[in-house]
Protein backbone atom coordinates (compact mmCIF):
# COMPACT_ATOMS: atom_id res chain seq x y z
CA UNK A 1 -4.73 15.12 -32.60
CA UNK A 2 -7.79 16.64 -34.28
CA UNK A 3 -10.93 14.61 -34.91
CA UNK A 4 -11.47 15.14 -38.64
CA UNK A 5 -14.75 14.23 -40.30
CA UNK A 6 -14.12 13.78 -44.02
CA UNK A 7 -17.50 13.35 -45.77
CA UNK A 8 -18.14 11.17 -48.82
CA UNK A 9 -18.70 12.78 -52.22
CA UNK A 10 -22.49 12.49 -51.86
CA UNK A 11 -22.50 14.00 -48.36
CA UNK A 12 -20.14 16.77 -49.45
CA UNK A 13 -22.41 17.73 -52.34
CA UNK A 14 -25.50 17.71 -50.11
CA UNK A 15 -23.76 19.73 -47.38
CA UNK A 16 -22.66 22.32 -49.93
CA UNK A 17 -26.25 22.57 -51.19
CA UNK A 18 -27.58 23.05 -47.65
CA UNK A 19 -24.85 25.61 -46.95
CA UNK A 20 -25.77 27.73 -49.98
CA UNK A 21 -29.42 27.78 -48.94
CA UNK A 22 -29.12 28.52 -45.21
CA UNK A 23 -26.04 30.74 -45.29
CA UNK A 24 -28.04 33.77 -46.43
CA UNK A 25 -30.42 33.44 -43.48
CA UNK A 26 -27.61 33.86 -40.95
CA UNK A 27 -25.01 35.98 -42.76
CA UNK A 28 -26.82 39.32 -42.45
CA UNK A 29 -27.05 38.87 -38.66
CA UNK A 30 -23.37 38.11 -38.06
CA UNK A 31 -21.19 40.73 -36.41
CA UNK A 32 -19.01 43.13 -38.41
CA UNK A 33 -16.11 42.06 -36.18
CA UNK A 34 -16.33 38.39 -37.17
CA UNK A 35 -13.95 37.77 -40.09
CA UNK A 36 -13.56 34.01 -40.42
CA UNK A 37 -15.08 31.98 -43.27
CA UNK A 38 -17.42 34.69 -44.47
CA UNK A 39 -17.95 36.31 -47.88
CA UNK A 40 -15.97 39.56 -48.38
CA UNK A 41 -14.19 38.99 -45.04
CA UNK A 42 -10.61 37.82 -44.66
CA UNK A 43 -7.65 37.40 -42.34
CA UNK A 44 -6.04 40.71 -43.31
CA UNK A 45 -9.11 42.70 -42.26
CA UNK A 46 -9.04 41.01 -38.86
CA UNK A 47 -5.35 41.80 -38.33
CA UNK A 48 -5.74 45.43 -39.43
CA UNK A 49 -8.72 45.87 -37.11
CA UNK A 50 -6.63 44.54 -34.20
CA UNK A 51 -3.77 46.89 -35.11
CA UNK A 52 -6.22 49.79 -35.23
CA UNK A 53 -7.48 49.01 -31.72
CA UNK A 54 -3.94 48.77 -30.36
CA UNK A 55 -2.82 52.03 -31.99
CA UNK A 56 -5.92 53.74 -30.58
CA UNK A 57 -4.72 52.94 -27.05
CA UNK A 58 -6.50 49.66 -26.26
CA UNK A 59 -3.27 47.90 -25.35
CA UNK A 60 -4.43 45.50 -22.64
CA UNK A 61 -5.62 42.50 -24.62
CA UNK A 62 -7.72 39.62 -23.33
CA UNK A 63 -6.45 36.69 -25.39
CA UNK A 64 -8.76 33.68 -25.03
CA UNK A 65 -8.08 30.28 -26.54
CA UNK A 66 -11.02 27.88 -26.69
CA UNK A 67 -10.05 24.35 -25.75
CA UNK A 68 -10.74 21.98 -28.68
CA UNK A 69 -13.71 24.11 -29.76
CA UNK A 70 -14.81 21.98 -32.73
CA UNK A 71 -14.81 18.85 -30.57
CA UNK A 72 -16.81 20.44 -27.71
CA UNK A 73 -19.79 22.08 -29.49
CA UNK A 74 -23.05 21.15 -27.76
CA UNK A 75 -25.41 19.59 -30.33
CA UNK A 76 -28.65 20.44 -28.54
CA UNK A 77 -27.80 24.12 -28.17
CA UNK A 78 -26.56 24.36 -31.77
CA UNK A 79 -29.74 22.79 -33.12
CA UNK A 80 -31.81 25.25 -31.07
CA UNK A 81 -29.92 28.13 -32.70
CA UNK A 82 -30.54 26.62 -36.13
CA UNK A 83 -34.25 26.21 -35.40
CA UNK A 84 -34.64 29.98 -34.95
CA UNK A 85 -34.06 30.50 -38.68
CA UNK A 86 -34.73 27.07 -40.19
CA UNK A 87 -38.23 25.71 -39.68
CA UNK A 88 -37.84 22.81 -42.11
CA UNK A 89 -37.88 19.52 -40.12
CA UNK A 90 -36.20 17.56 -42.95
CA UNK A 91 -33.26 19.96 -43.15
CA UNK A 92 -32.77 19.99 -39.38
CA UNK A 93 -32.97 16.19 -39.30
CA UNK A 94 -30.33 16.00 -42.04
CA UNK A 95 -27.98 18.38 -40.21
CA UNK A 96 -28.50 16.41 -37.00
CA UNK A 97 -27.51 13.19 -38.79
CA UNK A 98 -24.33 14.81 -40.06
CA UNK A 99 -23.49 16.02 -36.56
CA UNK A 100 -24.15 12.60 -35.06
CA UNK A 101 -22.35 10.59 -37.74
CA UNK A 102 -19.75 8.32 -36.08
CA UNK A 103 -16.04 8.96 -36.47
CA UNK A 104 -13.31 6.38 -37.08
CA UNK A 105 -10.79 6.26 -34.22
CA UNK A 106 -8.23 3.43 -34.12
CA UNK A 107 -10.28 1.62 -36.78
CA UNK A 108 -13.39 1.69 -34.60
CA UNK A 109 -16.54 3.73 -35.22
CA UNK A 110 -17.20 5.99 -32.23
CA UNK A 111 -20.55 7.72 -31.75
CA UNK A 112 -20.54 11.50 -31.53
CA UNK A 113 -22.66 13.29 -28.95
CA UNK A 114 -20.86 16.64 -29.19
CA UNK A 115 -18.59 18.49 -31.58
CA UNK A 116 -18.70 19.60 -35.20
CA UNK A 117 -16.82 17.40 -37.70
CA UNK A 118 -13.88 19.35 -39.12
CA UNK A 119 -13.42 18.93 -42.85
CA UNK A 120 -17.00 19.33 -44.02
CA UNK A 121 -18.30 22.37 -45.99
CA UNK A 122 -20.90 23.01 -43.31
CA UNK A 123 -18.52 23.19 -40.32
CA UNK A 124 -17.38 26.85 -40.71
CA UNK A 125 -20.98 28.11 -40.85
CA UNK A 126 -22.03 26.01 -37.84
CA UNK A 127 -19.10 27.34 -35.83
CA UNK A 128 -19.98 30.93 -36.74
CA UNK A 129 -23.62 30.33 -35.75
CA UNK A 130 -22.51 29.01 -32.38
CA UNK A 131 -20.01 31.78 -31.67
CA UNK A 132 -22.37 34.49 -32.91
CA UNK A 133 -23.90 34.29 -29.44
CA UNK A 134 -20.50 35.28 -28.05
CA UNK A 135 -20.33 38.19 -30.52
CA UNK A 136 -23.75 39.40 -29.37
CA UNK A 137 -22.66 39.31 -25.73
CA UNK A 138 -19.47 41.26 -26.48
CA UNK A 139 -21.39 43.87 -28.49
CA UNK A 140 -23.99 44.14 -25.72
CA UNK A 141 -21.18 45.08 -23.31
CA UNK A 142 -19.78 47.59 -25.80
CA UNK A 143 -16.40 45.88 -26.03
CA UNK A 144 -13.78 46.10 -28.76
CA UNK A 145 -13.03 42.66 -30.13
CA UNK A 146 -11.88 40.70 -33.16
CA UNK A 147 -12.96 37.14 -33.94
CA UNK A 148 -11.73 34.85 -36.68
CA UNK A 149 -13.55 31.51 -36.35
CA UNK A 150 -12.69 30.24 -32.83
CA UNK A 151 -9.78 32.71 -32.36
CA UNK A 152 -10.89 35.89 -30.63
CA UNK A 153 -9.39 38.68 -28.57
CA UNK A 154 -10.81 41.64 -26.63
CA UNK A 155 -9.08 45.05 -26.41
CA UNK A 156 -9.32 47.26 -23.32
CA UNK A 157 -7.66 50.42 -22.01
CA UNK A 158 -6.59 49.18 -18.56
CA UNK A 159 -5.46 45.95 -16.96
CA UNK A 160 -8.29 46.09 -14.42
CA UNK A 161 -10.88 46.32 -17.19
CA UNK A 162 -9.20 43.43 -19.02
CA UNK A 163 -9.30 41.25 -15.91
CA UNK A 164 -12.96 42.05 -15.30
CA UNK A 165 -13.94 41.38 -18.91
CA UNK A 166 -11.95 38.14 -19.01
CA UNK A 167 -13.71 36.74 -15.94
CA UNK A 168 -17.14 37.70 -17.29
CA UNK A 169 -16.52 36.10 -20.68
CA UNK A 170 -15.13 32.96 -19.05
CA UNK A 171 -18.38 32.53 -17.11
CA UNK A 172 -20.48 33.23 -20.21
CA UNK A 173 -18.64 30.62 -22.28
CA UNK A 174 -18.85 28.00 -19.55
CA UNK A 175 -22.50 28.49 -18.53
CA UNK A 176 -24.19 29.59 -21.76
CA UNK A 177 -22.22 27.98 -24.59
CA UNK A 178 -20.85 25.01 -22.59
CA UNK A 179 -17.32 25.72 -23.87
CA UNK A 180 -14.09 25.49 -21.90
CA UNK A 181 -11.01 27.74 -22.07
CA UNK A 182 -7.42 26.63 -22.40
CA UNK A 183 -5.99 28.45 -19.38
CA UNK A 184 -2.37 27.85 -20.40
CA UNK A 185 -2.79 29.71 -23.70
CA UNK A 186 -5.21 32.38 -22.44
CA UNK A 187 -4.42 35.51 -20.48
CA UNK A 188 -3.99 39.28 -20.52
CA UNK A 189 -1.34 40.35 -23.03
CA UNK A 190 0.52 43.47 -24.00
CA UNK A 191 1.00 44.09 -27.74
CA UNK A 192 4.63 42.91 -27.77
CA UNK A 193 3.58 39.57 -26.24
CA UNK A 194 0.45 39.15 -28.37
CA UNK A 195 0.02 37.32 -31.67
CA UNK A 196 -3.04 37.12 -33.85
CA UNK A 197 -3.33 34.74 -36.81
CA UNK A 198 0.45 34.48 -37.12
CA UNK A 199 1.11 38.23 -36.83
CA UNK A 200 2.89 40.01 -33.98
CA UNK A 201 3.33 43.66 -32.98
CA UNK A 202 6.45 45.73 -32.29
CA UNK A 203 6.80 49.46 -31.41
CA UNK A 204 7.58 51.75 -34.35
CA UNK A 205 10.33 53.87 -32.67
CA UNK A 206 9.54 56.75 -35.02
CA UNK A 207 9.41 60.35 -33.82
CA UNK A 208 5.83 61.46 -33.33
CA UNK A 209 4.56 57.85 -33.42
CA UNK A 210 4.96 56.99 -29.73
CA UNK A 211 2.62 54.23 -28.63
CA UNK A 212 2.10 52.98 -32.20
CA UNK A 213 2.82 49.43 -33.30
CA UNK A 214 3.64 47.88 -36.65
CA UNK A 215 2.99 44.36 -37.86
CA UNK A 216 5.63 41.64 -37.91
CA UNK A 217 5.49 37.89 -38.45
CA UNK A 218 5.49 35.82 -35.26
CA UNK A 219 8.43 33.54 -34.47
CA UNK A 220 6.17 30.49 -34.69
CA UNK A 221 5.13 31.37 -38.25
CA UNK A 222 8.76 31.84 -39.31
CA UNK A 223 9.66 28.43 -37.84
CA UNK A 224 6.76 26.70 -39.61
CA UNK A 225 7.76 28.29 -42.92
CA UNK A 226 11.40 27.28 -42.49
CA UNK A 227 10.37 23.72 -41.68
CA UNK A 228 8.30 23.51 -44.88
CA UNK A 229 11.16 24.91 -46.95
CA UNK A 230 13.59 22.47 -45.34
CA UNK A 231 11.39 19.54 -46.33
CA UNK A 232 11.16 20.71 -49.95
CA UNK A 233 14.89 21.52 -50.29
CA UNK A 234 16.19 18.48 -48.41
CA UNK A 235 18.66 16.67 -50.67
CA UNK A 236 17.14 13.25 -49.87
CA UNK A 237 13.57 14.31 -50.72
CA UNK A 238 12.65 12.24 -53.82
CA UNK A 239 11.94 15.05 -56.33
CA UNK A 240 13.38 16.21 -59.61
CA UNK A 241 14.85 19.72 -59.57
CA UNK A 242 11.92 21.11 -61.61
CA UNK A 243 9.39 19.55 -59.22
CA UNK A 244 11.32 20.96 -56.28
CA UNK A 245 11.27 24.47 -57.78
CA UNK A 246 7.54 24.25 -58.58
CA UNK A 247 6.65 23.17 -55.04
CA UNK A 248 8.98 25.79 -53.57
CA UNK A 249 7.37 28.58 -55.59
CA UNK A 250 3.88 27.49 -54.52
CA UNK A 251 4.75 27.55 -50.81
CA UNK A 252 6.63 30.86 -51.07
CA UNK A 253 3.89 32.60 -53.04
CA UNK A 254 1.17 31.50 -50.60
CA UNK A 255 3.16 32.48 -47.51
CA UNK A 256 4.21 35.92 -48.80
CA UNK A 257 0.65 36.68 -49.92
CA UNK A 258 -0.60 35.79 -46.43
CA UNK A 259 1.97 37.93 -44.55
CA UNK A 260 2.49 40.73 -47.09
CA UNK A 261 1.27 43.40 -44.65
CA UNK A 262 4.06 42.75 -42.15
CA UNK A 263 7.59 44.17 -42.14
CA UNK A 264 9.43 41.21 -43.64
CA UNK A 265 11.74 42.73 -46.27
CA UNK A 266 15.07 42.17 -44.48
CA UNK A 267 14.21 38.69 -43.24
CA UNK A 268 13.08 37.62 -46.70
CA UNK A 269 16.41 38.77 -48.11
CA UNK A 270 18.30 36.57 -45.62
CA UNK A 271 15.92 33.66 -46.14
CA UNK A 272 16.35 33.79 -49.93
CA UNK A 273 20.12 33.41 -49.57
CA UNK A 274 19.62 30.38 -47.31
CA UNK A 275 17.15 28.79 -49.79
CA UNK A 276 19.52 29.28 -52.73
CA UNK A 277 22.31 27.58 -50.80
CA UNK A 278 19.96 24.68 -50.07
CA UNK A 279 19.21 24.38 -53.79
CA UNK A 280 22.93 24.45 -54.63
CA UNK A 281 23.44 21.67 -52.08
CA UNK A 282 20.72 19.62 -53.83
CA UNK A 283 22.43 20.11 -57.19
CA UNK A 284 25.85 19.20 -55.77
CA UNK A 285 24.38 16.07 -54.17
CA UNK A 286 22.65 15.14 -57.45
CA UNK A 287 25.96 15.22 -59.34
CA UNK A 288 27.15 12.43 -57.02
CA UNK A 289 30.41 11.14 -58.55
CA UNK A 290 33.58 13.27 -58.70
CA UNK A 291 33.93 12.96 -62.48
CA UNK A 292 30.40 14.21 -63.06
CA UNK A 293 31.05 17.10 -60.68
CA UNK A 294 34.21 17.99 -62.64
CA UNK A 295 32.42 17.98 -66.01
CA UNK A 296 29.48 19.98 -64.63
CA UNK A 297 31.77 22.65 -63.15
CA UNK A 298 33.61 22.95 -66.47
CA UNK A 299 30.30 23.44 -68.31
CA UNK A 300 29.46 26.21 -65.82
CA UNK A 301 32.67 28.07 -66.69
CA UNK A 302 35.28 26.82 -64.19
CA UNK A 303 38.75 26.11 -65.54
CA UNK A 304 39.93 22.50 -65.64
CA UNK A 305 42.36 22.73 -62.71
CA UNK A 306 39.89 24.27 -60.26
CA UNK A 307 37.10 21.99 -61.48
CA UNK A 308 39.27 18.93 -60.79
CA UNK A 309 40.31 20.21 -57.34
CA UNK A 310 36.77 21.03 -56.23
CA UNK A 311 35.33 17.79 -57.57
CA UNK A 312 37.74 15.90 -55.26
CA UNK A 313 37.34 18.15 -52.24
CA UNK A 314 36.82 16.63 -48.80
CA UNK A 315 34.60 19.51 -47.71
CA UNK A 316 31.03 18.64 -46.77
CA UNK A 317 28.25 19.30 -49.24
CA UNK A 318 26.76 22.17 -47.22
CA UNK A 319 30.16 23.87 -46.98
CA UNK A 320 30.62 23.54 -50.76
CA UNK A 321 27.13 24.97 -51.35
CA UNK A 322 28.13 28.14 -49.47
CA UNK A 323 31.54 28.39 -51.14
CA UNK A 324 32.39 30.76 -54.01
CA UNK A 325 32.75 27.82 -56.45
CA UNK A 326 28.96 27.26 -56.51
CA UNK A 327 27.97 30.83 -55.63
CA UNK A 328 29.63 32.15 -58.79
CA UNK A 329 28.43 29.34 -61.07
CA UNK A 330 24.92 28.40 -59.91
CA UNK A 331 23.93 32.05 -59.79
CA UNK A 332 20.54 33.67 -59.22
CA UNK A 333 20.27 34.32 -62.97
CA UNK A 334 20.76 30.63 -63.75
CA UNK A 335 18.25 29.59 -61.08
CA UNK A 336 15.68 32.02 -62.51
CA UNK A 337 16.10 30.35 -65.89
CA UNK A 338 14.92 27.16 -64.17
CA UNK A 339 11.74 29.03 -63.02
CA UNK A 340 12.99 29.82 -59.49
CA UNK A 341 11.38 32.97 -58.00
CA UNK A 342 12.81 34.49 -54.83
CA UNK A 343 10.51 35.42 -51.97
CA UNK A 344 11.71 39.02 -52.19
CA UNK A 345 10.64 39.22 -55.85
CA UNK A 346 7.22 37.82 -54.94
CA UNK A 347 6.93 40.39 -52.13
CA UNK A 348 7.81 43.25 -54.49
CA UNK A 349 5.15 42.15 -56.97
CA UNK A 350 2.46 41.76 -54.32
CA UNK A 351 3.33 44.95 -52.38
CA UNK A 352 3.59 47.89 -54.80
CA UNK A 353 3.94 50.30 -51.84
CA UNK A 354 7.11 48.56 -50.69
CA UNK A 355 9.10 51.74 -50.06
CA UNK A 356 6.39 53.17 -47.81
CA UNK A 357 6.74 52.10 -44.13
CA UNK A 358 3.85 49.81 -43.23
CA UNK A 359 3.08 51.54 -39.93
CA UNK A 360 2.44 54.88 -41.66
CA UNK A 361 -0.19 53.49 -43.98
CA UNK A 362 -3.78 54.33 -43.04
CA UNK A 363 -5.54 51.49 -41.26
CA UNK A 364 -8.59 50.37 -43.20
CA UNK A 365 -11.72 50.25 -41.14
CA UNK A 366 -14.26 47.51 -41.73
CA UNK A 367 -17.80 48.84 -41.81
């Protein structure tokens, strides 16, 4: 459970105004290796930077997960960091009130003495200000690292160096920033066991590319996507077919755009077939009565005898959806006429260099 702080319209407007004013005072100081919630910085740059480190030989990765970071931020230390750049007492008093505003838990207002409320426009900047101190410490030690909001990882050449760095950073976080580490999710990883922002790494197995890794989508991200698609294409979900297609296209387009850099062509092809069968199942379920199924199959081009036999079949709906009777009638062409777009088509539009292997593309460096 996350403690969300959803501000009112007035507070949201005021927080956005404060953000636009103070953001410029901190932005120019932030590290080049911090990619979260910053102008002209994005998730893809962070992932490509991590891939560049790994392919350069830094394959012992210190993966650190901060335990409930947004709920553990020390107010006093954060306000001290803000005071370095903001000398206006009214602004600091206003920010302090937002930080201290009570939160509703089990219908009771609970006072806050630590933590940054998630859900406000100001929260991403405050988290970056707090963790900028971590960035400075990592840069002071000359370490290779990538940080996206509270997710960060350090890249070293040897396991001994990784263990030494991990212990030093653990002490720094605990003593200086008053932040704790989730020991179960933190540790020293190899590229094949490491994920960053939903991406994983696998060896290329290409001649002359030994020790190089290409991007793939992590198993957890695939499962989350499939769960979303299941909810949308579930036959009992109360939606019209057009609403279902619209929602499906929105989710697919967003997901493919997010993971377009990974090698996902073959998996998308398999997933598209599964989604189309789910849609056919929804249509078959919507026809309900045998007579309506018979008439619908005839309209789709099935002869009367086969239409009658299939409309009275005792096969389950999912089995019918995968059968030739629906595969040859509710075709991809007919689904496209109803505005359906396959994930593979979205991927081809977004990735014009589809035929070029992803691991051979030059890694963009962020200056």
